[in-house]
PDB file of N, CA and C in Angstrom:
ATOM      1  N   MET A   1      42.413 -69.503 -30.087  1.00  0.00           N
ATOM      2  CA  MET A   1      41.287 -69.938 -29.310  1.00  0.00           C
ATOM      3  C   MET A   1      40.482 -68.712 -28.874  1.00  0.00           C
ATOM      4  N   ASP A   2      39.189 -68.717 -29.195  1.00  0.00           N
ATOM      5  CA  ASP A   2      38.277 -67.673 -28.744  1.00  0.00           C
ATOM      6  C   ASP A   2      37.684 -68.101 -27.410  1.00  0.00           C
ATOM      7  N   ALA A   3      37.350 -67.135 -26.584  1.00  0.00           N
ATOM      8  CA  ALA A   3      36.725 -67.453 -25.303  1.00  0.00           C
ATOM      9  C   ALA A   3      35.795 -66.315 -24.902  1.00  0.00           C
ATOM     10  N   THR A   4      34.666 -66.681 -24.317  1.00  0.00           N
ATOM     11  CA  THR A   4      33.706 -65.714 -23.795  1.00  0.00           C
ATOM     12  C   THR A   4      33.562 -65.956 -22.299  1.00  0.00           C
ATOM     13  N   PHE A   5      33.595 -64.873 -21.549  1.00  0.00           N
ATOM     14  CA  PHE A   5      33.483 -64.951 -20.092  1.00  0.00           C
ATOM     15  C   PHE A   5      32.390 -64.004 -19.617  1.00  0.00           C
ATOM     16  N   GLU A   6      31.602 -64.438 -18.648  1.00  0.00           N
ATOM     17  CA  GLU A   6      30.593 -63.604 -18.011  1.00  0.00           C
ATOM     18  C   GLU A   6      30.953 -63.441 -16.540  1.00  0.00           C
ATOM     19  N   PHE A   7      30.765 -62.219 -16.047  1.00  0.00           N
ATOM     20  CA  PHE A   7      31.050 -61.965 -14.637  1.00  0.00           C
ATOM     21  C   PHE A   7      30.340 -60.701 -14.178  1.00  0.00           C
ATOM     22  N   GLU A   8      30.247 -60.546 -12.877  1.00  0.00           N
ATOM     23  CA  GLU A   8      29.738 -59.324 -12.272  1.00  0.00           C
ATOM     24  C   GLU A   8      30.887 -58.644 -11.549  1.00  0.00           C
ATOM     25  N   ALA A   9      30.897 -57.307 -11.625  1.00  0.00           N
ATOM     26  CA  ALA A   9      31.963 -56.557 -10.968  1.00  0.00           C
ATOM     27  C   ALA A   9      31.462 -55.159 -10.621  1.00  0.00           C
ATOM     28  N   GLU A  10      32.038 -54.612  -9.563  1.00  0.00           N
ATOM     29  CA  GLU A  10      31.693 -53.261  -9.118  1.00  0.00           C
ATOM     30  C   GLU A  10      32.480 -52.228  -9.918  1.00  0.00           C
ATOM     31  N   LEU A  11      31.820 -51.137 -10.262  1.00  0.00           N
ATOM     32  CA  LEU A  11      32.475 -50.030 -10.958  1.00  0.00           C
ATOM     33  C   LEU A  11      33.163 -49.128  -9.941  1.00  0.00           C
ATOM     34  N   TYR A  12      34.382 -48.702 -10.246  1.00  0.00           N
ATOM     35  CA  TYR A  12      35.121 -47.837  -9.327  1.00  0.00           C
ATOM     36  C   TYR A  12      35.969 -46.853 -10.119  1.00  0.00           C
ATOM     37  N   GLU A  13      36.299 -45.736  -9.463  1.00  0.00           N
ATOM     38  CA  GLU A  13      37.171 -44.733 -10.065  1.00  0.00           C
ATOM     39  C   GLU A  13      38.620 -45.175  -9.964  1.00  0.00           C
ATOM     40  N   TRP A  14      39.407 -44.810 -10.935  1.00  0.00           N
ATOM     41  CA  TRP A  14      40.847 -45.028 -10.904  1.00  0.00           C
ATOM     42  C   TRP A  14      41.419 -44.211  -9.760  1.00  0.00           C
ATOM     43  N   ASP A  15      42.225 -44.834  -8.922  1.00  0.00           N
ATOM     44  CA  ASP A  15      42.761 -44.199  -7.713  1.00  0.00           C
ATOM     45  C   ASP A  15      43.475 -42.879  -7.951  1.00  0.00           C
ATOM     46  N   ALA A  16      44.202 -42.781  -9.036  1.00  0.00           N
ATOM     47  CA  ALA A  16      45.064 -41.617  -9.238  1.00  0.00           C
ATOM     48  C   ALA A  16      44.289 -40.366  -9.660  1.00  0.00           C
ATOM     49  N   LYS A  17      43.049 -40.509 -10.048  1.00  0.00           N
ATOM     50  CA  LYS A  17      42.306 -39.358 -10.536  1.00  0.00           C
ATOM     51  C   LYS A  17      40.854 -39.485 -10.098  1.00  0.00           C
ATOM     52  N   LYS A  18      40.361 -38.540  -9.320  1.00  0.00           N
ATOM     53  CA  LYS A  18      39.010 -38.644  -8.760  1.00  0.00           C
ATOM     54  C   LYS A  18      38.005 -37.770  -9.525  1.00  0.00           C
ATOM     55  N   ASP A  19      38.083 -37.755 -10.847  1.00  0.00           N
ATOM     56  CA  ASP A  19      37.136 -36.948 -11.614  1.00  0.00           C
ATOM     57  C   ASP A  19      36.148 -37.811 -12.389  1.00  0.00           C
ATOM     58  N   ALA A  20      36.127 -39.101 -12.134  1.00  0.00           N
ATOM     59  CA  ALA A  20      35.220 -40.068 -12.767  1.00  0.00           C
ATOM     60  C   ALA A  20      35.433 -40.167 -14.271  1.00  0.00           C
ATOM     61  N   SER A  21      36.558 -39.645 -14.765  1.00  0.00           N
ATOM     62  CA  SER A  21      36.809 -39.785 -16.197  1.00  0.00           C
ATOM     63  C   SER A  21      37.356 -41.180 -16.513  1.00  0.00           C
ATOM     64  N   TRP A  22      37.954 -41.839 -15.537  1.00  0.00           N
ATOM     65  CA  TRP A  22      38.429 -43.211 -15.711  1.00  0.00           C
ATOM     66  C   TRP A  22      37.731 -44.101 -14.701  1.00  0.00           C
ATOM     67  N   VAL A  23      36.845 -44.941 -15.203  1.00  0.00           N
ATOM     68  CA  VAL A  23      36.089 -45.850 -14.353  1.00  0.00           C
ATOM     69  C   VAL A  23      36.368 -47.266 -14.835  1.00  0.00           C
ATOM     70  N   PHE A  24      36.605 -48.161 -13.880  1.00  0.00           N
ATOM     71  CA  PHE A  24      36.975 -49.533 -14.198  1.00  0.00           C
ATOM     72  C   PHE A  24      36.114 -50.530 -13.453  1.00  0.00           C
ATOM     73  N   ALA A  25      36.158 -51.774 -13.931  1.00  0.00           N
ATOM     74  CA  ALA A  25      35.619 -52.933 -13.233  1.00  0.00           C
ATOM     75  C   ALA A  25      36.749 -53.958 -13.217  1.00  0.00           C
ATOM     76  N   THR A  26      36.962 -54.611 -12.094  1.00  0.00           N
ATOM     77  CA  THR A  26      38.007 -55.623 -12.001  1.00  0.00           C
ATOM     78  C   THR A  26      37.476 -56.959 -12.509  1.00  0.00           C
ATOM     79  N   VAL A  27      38.215 -57.554 -13.432  1.00  0.00           N
ATOM     80  CA  VAL A  27      37.877 -58.880 -13.943  1.00  0.00           C
ATOM     81  C   VAL A  27      38.209 -59.874 -12.831  1.00  0.00           C
ATOM     82  N   PRO A  28      37.291 -60.760 -12.457  1.00  0.00           N
ATOM     83  CA  PRO A  28      37.551 -61.695 -11.348  1.00  0.00           C
ATOM     84  C   PRO A  28      38.834 -62.512 -11.557  1.00  0.00           C
ATOM     85  N   ALA A  29      39.412 -62.945 -10.446  1.00  0.00           N
ATOM     86  CA  ALA A  29      40.695 -63.660 -10.470  1.00  0.00           C
ATOM     87  C   ALA A  29      40.661 -64.892 -11.367  1.00  0.00           C
ATOM     88  N   ASP A  30      39.584 -65.681 -11.306  1.00  0.00           N
ATOM     89  CA  ASP A  30      39.546 -66.902 -12.115  1.00  0.00           C
ATOM     90  C   ASP A  30      39.492 -66.589 -13.607  1.00  0.00           C
ATOM     91  N   VAL A  31      38.740 -65.555 -13.986  1.00  0.00           N
ATOM     92  CA  VAL A  31      38.674 -65.151 -15.399  1.00  0.00           C
ATOM     93  C   VAL A  31      40.017 -64.552 -15.825  1.00  0.00           C
ATOM     94  N   SER A  32      40.601 -63.717 -14.969  1.00  0.00           N
ATOM     95  CA  SER A  32      41.910 -63.125 -15.275  1.00  0.00           C
ATOM     96  C   SER A  32      42.953 -64.210 -15.507  1.00  0.00           C
ATOM     97  N   GLU A  33      42.924 -65.245 -14.671  1.00  0.00           N
ATOM     98  CA  GLU A  33      43.876 -66.346 -14.824  1.00  0.00           C
ATOM     99  C   GLU A  33      43.661 -67.071 -16.157  1.00  0.00           C
ATOM    100  N   ASP A  34      42.396 -67.317 -16.520  1.00  0.00           N
ATOM    101  CA  ASP A  34      42.105 -67.970 -17.796  1.00  0.00           C
ATOM    102  C   ASP A  34      42.599 -67.130 -18.973  1.00  0.00           C
ATOM    103  N   VAL A  35      42.399 -65.818 -18.907  1.00  0.00           N
ATOM    104  CA  VAL A  35      42.871 -64.929 -19.981  1.00  0.00           C
ATOM    105  C   VAL A  35      44.394 -64.949 -20.044  1.00  0.00           C
ATOM    106  N   ARG A  36      45.049 -64.889 -18.885  1.00  0.00           N
ATOM    107  CA  ARG A  36      46.524 -64.922 -18.841  1.00  0.00           C
ATOM    108  C   ARG A  36      47.067 -66.204 -19.469  1.00  0.00           C
ATOM    109  N   ASP A  37      46.335 -67.311 -19.306  1.00  0.00           N
ATOM    110  CA  ASP A  37      46.785 -68.598 -19.829  1.00  0.00           C
ATOM    111  C   ASP A  37      46.583 -68.741 -21.343  1.00  0.00           C
ATOM    112  N   MET A  38      45.804 -67.846 -21.938  1.00  0.00           N
ATOM    113  CA  MET A  38      45.543 -67.920 -23.379  1.00  0.00           C
ATOM    114  C   MET A  38      46.744 -67.399 -24.160  1.00  0.00           C
ATOM    115  N   GLU A  39      46.991 -68.006 -25.313  1.00  0.00           N
ATOM    116  CA  GLU A  39      48.056 -67.517 -26.185  1.00  0.00           C
ATOM    117  C   GLU A  39      47.474 -66.400 -27.025  1.00  0.00           C
ATOM    118  N   LEU A  40      47.714 -65.172 -26.570  1.00  0.00           N
ATOM    119  CA  LEU A  40      47.156 -63.985 -27.202  1.00  0.00           C
ATOM    120  C   LEU A  40      48.239 -62.966 -27.468  1.00  0.00           C
ATOM    121  N   PRO A  41      48.043 -62.143 -28.501  1.00  0.00           N
ATOM    122  CA  PRO A  41      48.971 -61.021 -28.667  1.00  0.00           C
ATOM    123  C   PRO A  41      48.751 -60.025 -27.526  1.00  0.00           C
ATOM    124  N   ARG A  42      49.820 -59.594 -26.909  1.00  0.00           N
ATOM    125  CA  ARG A  42      49.740 -58.608 -25.832  1.00  0.00           C
ATOM    126  C   ARG A  42      50.125 -57.257 -26.404  1.00  0.00           C
ATOM    127  N   LYS A  43      49.396 -56.253 -26.015  1.00  0.00           N
ATOM    128  CA  LYS A  43      49.650 -54.885 -26.470  1.00  0.00           C
ATOM    129  C   LYS A  43      50.394 -54.143 -25.362  1.00  0.00           C
ATOM    130  N   GLY A  44      50.420 -52.813 -25.460  1.00  0.00           N
ATOM    131  CA  GLY A  44      51.089 -51.990 -24.465  1.00  0.00           C
ATOM    132  C   GLY A  44      50.621 -52.303 -23.061  1.00  0.00           C
ATOM    133  N   PHE A  45      51.530 -52.326 -22.117  1.00  0.00           N
ATOM    134  CA  PHE A  45      51.259 -52.603 -20.700  1.00  0.00           C
ATOM    135  C   PHE A  45      50.724 -54.016 -20.470  1.00  0.00           C
ATOM    136  N   GLY A  46      50.842 -54.910 -21.447  1.00  0.00           N
ATOM    137  CA  GLY A  46      50.332 -56.271 -21.302  1.00  0.00           C
ATOM    138  C   GLY A  46      48.841 -56.388 -21.523  1.00  0.00           C
ATOM    139  N   SER A  47      48.249 -55.376 -22.183  1.00  0.00           N
ATOM    140  CA  SER A  47      46.803 -55.369 -22.388  1.00  0.00           C
ATOM    141  C   SER A  47      46.369 -56.406 -23.420  1.00  0.00           C
ATOM    142  N   VAL A  48      45.096 -56.764 -23.350  1.00  0.00           N
ATOM    143  CA  VAL A  48      44.498 -57.754 -24.245  1.00  0.00           C
ATOM    144  C   VAL A  48      43.226 -57.141 -24.832  1.00  0.00           C
ATOM    145  N   LYS A  49      43.071 -57.204 -26.143  1.00  0.00           N
ATOM    146  CA  LYS A  49      41.874 -56.666 -26.797  1.00  0.00           C
ATOM    147  C   LYS A  49      40.673 -57.578 -26.550  1.00  0.00           C
ATOM    148  N   VAL A  50      39.520 -56.941 -26.268  1.00  0.00           N
ATOM    149  CA  VAL A  50      38.290 -57.674 -26.003  1.00  0.00           C
ATOM    150  C   VAL A  50      37.100 -56.939 -26.615  1.00  0.00           C
ATOM    151  N   THR A  51      36.025 -57.678 -26.806  1.00  0.00           N
ATOM    152  CA  THR A  51      34.718 -57.091 -27.098  1.00  0.00           C
ATOM    153  C   THR A  51      33.887 -57.268 -25.834  1.00  0.00           C
ATOM    154  N   VAL A  52      33.239 -56.196 -25.404  1.00  0.00           N
ATOM    155  CA  VAL A  52      32.521 -56.194 -24.132  1.00  0.00           C
ATOM    156  C   VAL A  52      31.035 -55.939 -24.369  1.00  0.00           C
ATOM    157  N   ARG A  53      30.211 -56.597 -23.570  1.00  0.00           N
ATOM    158  CA  ARG A  53      28.780 -56.328 -23.560  1.00  0.00           C
ATOM    159  C   ARG A  53      28.348 -56.024 -22.131  1.00  0.00           C
ATOM    160  N   LEU A  54      27.596 -54.958 -22.015  1.00  0.00           N
ATOM    161  CA  LEU A  54      26.975 -54.555 -20.757  1.00  0.00           C
ATOM    162  C   LEU A  54      25.566 -54.120 -21.129  1.00  0.00           C
ATOM    163  N   GLY A  55      24.569 -54.866 -20.691  1.00  0.00           N
ATOM    164  CA  GLY A  55      23.201 -54.566 -21.098  1.00  0.00           C
ATOM    165  C   GLY A  55      23.087 -54.660 -22.612  1.00  0.00           C
ATOM    166  N   SER A  56      22.558 -53.609 -23.233  1.00  0.00           N
ATOM    167  CA  SER A  56      22.413 -53.596 -24.697  1.00  0.00           C
ATOM    168  C   SER A  56      23.617 -52.951 -25.387  1.00  0.00           C
ATOM    169  N   SER A  57      24.615 -52.530 -24.628  1.00  0.00           N
ATOM    170  CA  SER A  57      25.797 -51.878 -25.195  1.00  0.00           C
ATOM    171  C   SER A  57      26.886 -52.893 -25.499  1.00  0.00           C
ATOM    172  N   GLU A  58      27.588 -52.674 -26.605  1.00  0.00           N
ATOM    173  CA  GLU A  58      28.727 -53.511 -26.980  1.00  0.00           C
ATOM    174  C   GLU A  58      29.817 -52.592 -27.506  1.00  0.00           C
ATOM    175  N   TRP A  59      31.052 -52.838 -27.095  1.00  0.00           N
ATOM    176  CA  TRP A  59      32.170 -52.028 -27.572  1.00  0.00           C
ATOM    177  C   TRP A  59      33.451 -52.826 -27.525  1.00  0.00           C
ATOM    178  N   ARG A  60      34.457 -52.332 -28.280  1.00  0.00           N
ATOM    179  CA  ARG A  60      35.790 -52.927 -28.283  1.00  0.00           C
ATOM    180  C   ARG A  60      36.691 -52.075 -27.405  1.00  0.00           C
ATOM    181  N   THR A  61      37.496 -52.748 -26.603  1.00  0.00           N
ATOM    182  CA  THR A  61      38.445 -52.059 -25.747  1.00  0.00           C
ATOM    183  C   THR A  61      39.552 -53.044 -25.410  1.00  0.00           C
ATOM    184  N   SER A  62      40.365 -52.703 -24.451  1.00  0.00           N
ATOM    185  CA  SER A  62      41.391 -53.613 -23.949  1.00  0.00           C
ATOM    186  C   SER A  62      41.233 -53.741 -22.450  1.00  0.00           C
ATOM    187  N   ILE A  63      41.593 -54.911 -21.925  1.00  0.00           N
ATOM    188  CA  ILE A  63      41.703 -55.086 -20.486  1.00  0.00           C
ATOM    189  C   ILE A  63      43.188 -55.010 -20.136  1.00  0.00           C
ATOM    190  N   PHE A  64      43.475 -54.475 -18.960  1.00  0.00           N
ATOM    191  CA  PHE A  64      44.851 -54.200 -18.553  1.00  0.00           C
ATOM    192  C   PHE A  64      45.193 -54.927 -17.267  1.00  0.00           C
ATOM    193  N   PRO A  65      46.408 -55.484 -17.174  1.00  0.00           N
ATOM    194  CA  PRO A  65      46.795 -56.122 -15.916  1.00  0.00           C
ATOM    195  C   PRO A  65      46.988 -55.074 -14.821  1.00  0.00           C
ATOM    196  N   ASP A  66      46.505 -55.383 -13.627  1.00  0.00           N
ATOM    197  CA  ASP A  66      46.629 -54.505 -12.472  1.00  0.00           C
ATOM    198  C   ASP A  66      47.555 -55.169 -11.466  1.00  0.00           C
ATOM    199  N   SER A  67      48.712 -54.558 -11.233  1.00  0.00           N
ATOM    200  CA  SER A  67      49.698 -55.174 -10.340  1.00  0.00           C
ATOM    201  C   SER A  67      49.199 -55.245  -8.899  1.00  0.00           C
ATOM    202  N   LYS A  68      48.315 -54.341  -8.507  1.00  0.00           N
ATOM    203  CA  LYS A  68      47.820 -54.326  -7.134  1.00  0.00           C
ATOM    204  C   LYS A  68      46.919 -55.539  -6.849  1.00  0.00           C
ATOM    205  N   SER A  69      45.985 -55.829  -7.753  1.00  0.00           N
ATOM    206  CA  SER A  69      45.036 -56.919  -7.517  1.00  0.00           C
ATOM    207  C   SER A  69      45.483 -58.242  -8.133  1.00  0.00           C
ATOM    208  N   GLY A  70      46.398 -58.166  -9.110  1.00  0.00           N
ATOM    209  CA  GLY A  70      46.801 -59.371  -9.825  1.00  0.00           C
ATOM    210  C   GLY A  70      45.788 -59.784 -10.882  1.00  0.00           C
ATOM    211  N   CYS A  71      44.771 -58.953 -11.085  1.00  0.00           N
ATOM    212  CA  CYS A  71      43.712 -59.237 -12.058  1.00  0.00           C
ATOM    213  C   CYS A  71      43.776 -58.224 -13.199  1.00  0.00           C
ATOM    214  N   TYR A  72      43.026 -58.502 -14.238  1.00  0.00           N
ATOM    215  CA  TYR A  72      42.852 -57.506 -15.292  1.00  0.00           C
ATOM    216  C   TYR A  72      41.785 -56.516 -14.845  1.00  0.00           C
ATOM    217  N   VAL A  73      41.856 -55.298 -15.399  1.00  0.00           N
ATOM    218  CA  VAL A  73      40.819 -54.305 -15.176  1.00  0.00           C
ATOM    219  C   VAL A  73      40.235 -53.897 -16.519  1.00  0.00           C
ATOM    220  N   LEU A  74      38.943 -53.610 -16.499  1.00  0.00           N
ATOM    221  CA  LEU A  74      38.173 -53.273 -17.686  1.00  0.00           C
ATOM    222  C   LEU A  74      37.706 -51.827 -17.594  1.00  0.00           C
ATOM    223  N   PRO A  75      38.133 -50.957 -18.528  1.00  0.00           N
ATOM    224  CA  PRO A  75      37.617 -49.584 -18.516  1.00  0.00           C
ATOM    225  C   PRO A  75      36.174 -49.560 -19.021  1.00  0.00           C
ATOM    226  N   VAL A  76      35.343 -48.758 -18.368  1.00  0.00           N
ATOM    227  CA  VAL A  76      33.938 -48.630 -18.764  1.00  0.00           C
ATOM    228  C   VAL A  76      33.681 -47.144 -19.022  1.00  0.00           C
ATOM    229  N   LYS A  77      33.518 -46.796 -20.297  1.00  0.00           N
ATOM    230  CA  LYS A  77      33.413 -45.385 -20.657  1.00  0.00           C
ATOM    231  C   LYS A  77      32.082 -44.772 -20.237  1.00  0.00           C
ATOM    232  N   LYS A  78      32.124 -43.461 -20.093  1.00  0.00           N
ATOM    233  CA  LYS A  78      30.979 -42.718 -19.579  1.00  0.00           C
ATOM    234  C   LYS A  78      29.737 -42.899 -20.441  1.00  0.00           C
ATOM    235  N   ALA A  79      29.868 -42.903 -21.761  1.00  0.00           N
ATOM    236  CA  ALA A  79      28.701 -43.046 -22.641  1.00  0.00           C
ATOM    237  C   ALA A  79      27.969 -44.360 -22.357  1.00  0.00           C
ATOM    238  N   VAL A  80      28.717 -45.430 -22.092  1.00  0.00           N
ATOM    239  CA  VAL A  80      28.109 -46.729 -21.780  1.00  0.00           C
ATOM    240  C   VAL A  80      27.447 -46.678 -20.403  1.00  0.00           C
ATOM    241  N   ARG A  81      28.139 -46.111 -19.423  1.00  0.00           N
ATOM    242  CA  ARG A  81      27.564 -46.021 -18.071  1.00  0.00           C
ATOM    243  C   ARG A  81      26.262 -45.230 -18.088  1.00  0.00           C
ATOM    244  N   THR A  82      26.233 -44.153 -18.852  1.00  0.00           N
ATOM    245  CA  THR A  82      25.027 -43.329 -18.952  1.00  0.00           C
ATOM    246  C   THR A  82      23.904 -44.106 -19.627  1.00  0.00           C
ATOM    247  N   LYS A  83      24.190 -44.729 -20.758  1.00  0.00           N
ATOM    248  CA  LYS A  83      23.168 -45.478 -21.497  1.00  0.00           C
ATOM    249  C   LYS A  83      22.601 -46.622 -20.661  1.00  0.00           C
ATOM    250  N   GLU A  84      23.473 -47.329 -19.942  1.00  0.00           N
ATOM    251  CA  GLU A  84      23.044 -48.500 -19.175  1.00  0.00           C
ATOM    252  C   GLU A  84      22.623 -48.161 -17.742  1.00  0.00           C
ATOM    253  N   LYS A  85      22.688 -46.860 -17.405  1.00  0.00           N
ATOM    254  CA  LYS A  85      22.257 -46.385 -16.082  1.00  0.00           C
ATOM    255  C   LYS A  85      22.997 -47.087 -14.937  1.00  0.00           C
ATOM    256  N   VAL A  86      24.317 -47.158 -15.068  1.00  0.00           N
ATOM    257  CA  VAL A  86      25.154 -47.683 -13.996  1.00  0.00           C
ATOM    258  C   VAL A  86      26.112 -46.590 -13.547  1.00  0.00           C
ATOM    259  N   GLU A  87      26.408 -46.585 -12.261  1.00  0.00           N
ATOM    260  CA  GLU A  87      27.257 -45.558 -11.671  1.00  0.00           C
ATOM    261  C   GLU A  87      28.373 -46.200 -10.864  1.00  0.00           C
ATOM    262  N   ILE A  88      29.323 -45.380 -10.485  1.00  0.00           N
ATOM    263  CA  ILE A  88      30.398 -45.826  -9.613  1.00  0.00           C
ATOM    264  C   ILE A  88      29.772 -46.417  -8.352  1.00  0.00           C
ATOM    265  N   GLY A  89      30.239 -47.611  -7.972  1.00  0.00           N
ATOM    266  CA  GLY A  89      29.714 -48.309  -6.810  1.00  0.00           C
ATOM    267  C   GLY A  89      28.683 -49.366  -7.160  1.00  0.00           C
ATOM    268  N   ASP A  90      28.102 -49.281  -8.364  1.00  0.00           N
ATOM    269  CA  ASP A  90      27.141 -50.300  -8.800  1.00  0.00           C
ATOM    270  C   ASP A  90      27.871 -51.573  -9.202  1.00  0.00           C
ATOM    271  N   VAL A  91      27.205 -52.705  -9.012  1.00  0.00           N
ATOM    272  CA  VAL A  91      27.705 -53.980  -9.517  1.00  0.00           C
ATOM    273  C   VAL A  91      26.960 -54.240 -10.829  1.00  0.00           C
ATOM    274  N   ALA A  92      27.723 -54.487 -11.885  1.00  0.00           N
ATOM    275  CA  ALA A  92      27.136 -54.685 -13.211  1.00  0.00           C
ATOM    276  C   ALA A  92      27.559 -56.035 -13.773  1.00  0.00           C
ATOM    277  N   GLY A  93      26.753 -56.567 -14.667  1.00  0.00           N
ATOM    278  CA  GLY A  93      27.052 -57.834 -15.329  1.00  0.00           C
ATOM    279  C   GLY A  93      27.714 -57.582 -16.675  1.00  0.00           C
ATOM    280  N   PHE A  94      28.880 -58.176 -16.871  1.00  0.00           N
ATOM    281  CA  PHE A  94      29.653 -58.003 -18.099  1.00  0.00           C
ATOM    282  C   PHE A  94      29.824 -59.334 -18.817  1.00  0.00           C
ATOM    283  N   GLU A  95      29.975 -59.246 -20.118  1.00  0.00           N
ATOM    284  CA  GLU A  95      30.392 -60.385 -20.930  1.00  0.00           C
ATOM    285  C   GLU A  95      31.545 -59.887 -21.787  1.00  0.00           C
ATOM    286  N   ILE A  96      32.652 -60.607 -21.762  1.00  0.00           N
ATOM    287  CA  ILE A  96      33.788 -60.247 -22.618  1.00  0.00           C
ATOM    288  C   ILE A  96      34.128 -61.391 -23.547  1.00  0.00           C
ATOM    289  N   ASP A  97      34.415 -61.036 -24.780  1.00  0.00           N
ATOM    290  CA  ASP A  97      34.930 -61.983 -25.768  1.00  0.00           C
ATOM    291  C   ASP A  97      36.394 -61.693 -25.967  1.00  0.00           C
ATOM    292  N   VAL A  98      37.207 -62.703 -25.787  1.00  0.00           N
ATOM    293  CA  VAL A  98      38.653 -62.592 -25.971  1.00  0.00           C
ATOM    294  C   VAL A  98      39.005 -63.479 -27.159  1.00  0.00           C
ATOM    295  N   ALA A  99      39.676 -62.906 -28.140  1.00  0.00           N
ATOM    296  CA  ALA A  99      40.031 -63.685 -29.325  1.00  0.00           C
ATOM    297  C   ALA A  99      41.348 -63.187 -29.883  1.00  0.00           C
ATOM    298  N   PRO A 100      42.182 -64.094 -30.373  1.00  0.00           N
ATOM    299  CA  PRO A 100      43.408 -63.657 -31.013  1.00  0.00           C
ATOM    300  C   PRO A 100      43.057 -62.811 -32.240  1.00  0.00           C
ATOM    301  N   GLU A 101      43.875 -61.822 -32.501  1.00  0.00           N
ATOM    302  CA  GLU A 101      43.617 -60.956 -33.668  1.00  0.00           C
ATOM    303  C   GLU A 101      44.091 -61.611 -34.925  1.00  0.00           C
TER     304      GLU A 101
END
């Protein structure tokens, strides 16, 4: 089963490293729950492969379960943040496609 989800989320730095090399957006609880309920192949750390769209940018990555929030987190690489003119603390609109491989 393929699924597409749209959501808005704030960009934030990964707690363990404050050099802005790892920036994430938290996938909302309802979307995270829907993804968890899908029969998907899970990769390392329980990650799920997705295709992401932010503005005119599209890329493939994985979302990772976050034990602190109970939600998945989405890494947003610097090249995309620069192209789309979004920074840490901004709320951005994302679309993710989740599909079995």
